[in-house]
Amino acid sequence: MEERRFLVQQPASRLDRYLAAQLPDHSRSEVQRWIKEGLARVNERPAKASLSLEPGDMVTLTIPEPPPTELQPEAIPLTILYEDADVIAIDKPAGMVVHPAAGHASGTLVNALLYHFPDIEGVGEGGRPGIVHRLDKDTSGIILVAKNPRAHRYLQAQFKARTVEKTYLALVHGHVSPKEGLIDAPIGRHPRHRQRMAVTPADKGREAQTEYKVLAFYGPATLVAAHPLTGRTHQIRVHFASIGHPVVGDPLYGRKDAYGLGRHFLHAYRLRFRRPSDEAIVELESPLPPELEALLKRLA
C-alpha cells in the first residue's frame, strides 16, 4: 500500500472531489470506494466523501495495491533497443496499450513482455510486471522495463526524482512562438469530461512543466522537441493544446485527423537514465516511425 498526504491550500468543497483532482491517474469512483473503505483521513480522523475541506486540513489517503490479474503471455513481436541484466528498453509502436485495463485485456506490452521475458512476472505492481513508466496508446517510442525487483525500485526512484531525461518529438498545429519556452501550468482531471485532463487552477491539479524547442516549420504545423520536467497524464498533449497548438492527429485535445494519420504525432524520441548495475549513463534514441516521417515529407 502507498500512503499519500495532501495539505489543503484553498477551500475545496468535498473530500472526494478534492482527492480525485489530486490523483488524476485514478477515477473519482475509485477514490470514493477507498474513502468508503476507510482509507481516507482528514486531520487523522476518518472522513466521509461529502466532508467539506478547509485551508490547513491535512488529508491522508492509503492507496491499496491493485488486485492481481491473470496475465497471459502472448507471442507479440517486440523491438528491443537495449537490454542488460536489469533493464529492457522497448521501441513501442503506436496502437499498443502498455498494460491490461478496461477494454484492453490482451495484446498489450505486458502480455508481450511475459512471453519474451517470463522472469519479470511478479516484478513491481500487480498487473504491471516490470513497468516503471508508461506511454499513451497512440504514442510511440522508448519505454523502460525493469527485469528484477532491485532494478524496478532503482528506476522508479529515478523517475520520482525527475533525473530520467525524456525528449519527445511532436508535430503541433500552427506556428509556435517563441521558438523556445517553458509551459508551466497545473494539470488535473477535466471538470466535465472525466476521460480527459485539463490545465486547472493550482488547487485543482498537480504542478506540470514542459520545456520545448521549435525544430522546424512544416507548412501550417511546427515540429517541436518537448522535454517534460514532470510526468502528468497526457502532459504534452494538454500543455500544447492549452497554448493553442494541439498535437496533430489528437482528436481528444485538438482537431479531427485532417492528414489521415490514424494516430497523434507524438513520439518518445530520446531517453537518458542511469543503469542500475553501475550507475553509468545510458542514452537511447528511437527513430521516427515511417508514418510520421512520411507526413513530414508530405508537408515539406
Foldseek 3Di string as FASTA:
>chain_A
DDKDKDAQAAWDFWQLQLVQLACLVDFSVLSQVQLVVQQKDWQNHRDHRRDTDHGGIMIMGDDDADDADDAAADQDDWDWQDDDPWKTKTFFAAQAFAFDDVPDRDRHVVNPCCNVQVQQVPADGHRRRQAQAGDDRRATGIGMGTNHNLSSVVVNVCQVVLVKKWKKKFKWFADDPPQWDKQWFFKGADPPDRVDIAGDPPSRGPTWMKIKGWDDDQARITIIIIITSHRDVCRVQRRCLVVVIGTACDVVSDNHNPPPLNGTGMYRAKIWFAGSVPRDIDITGDDDPPSNVVVSVVRD
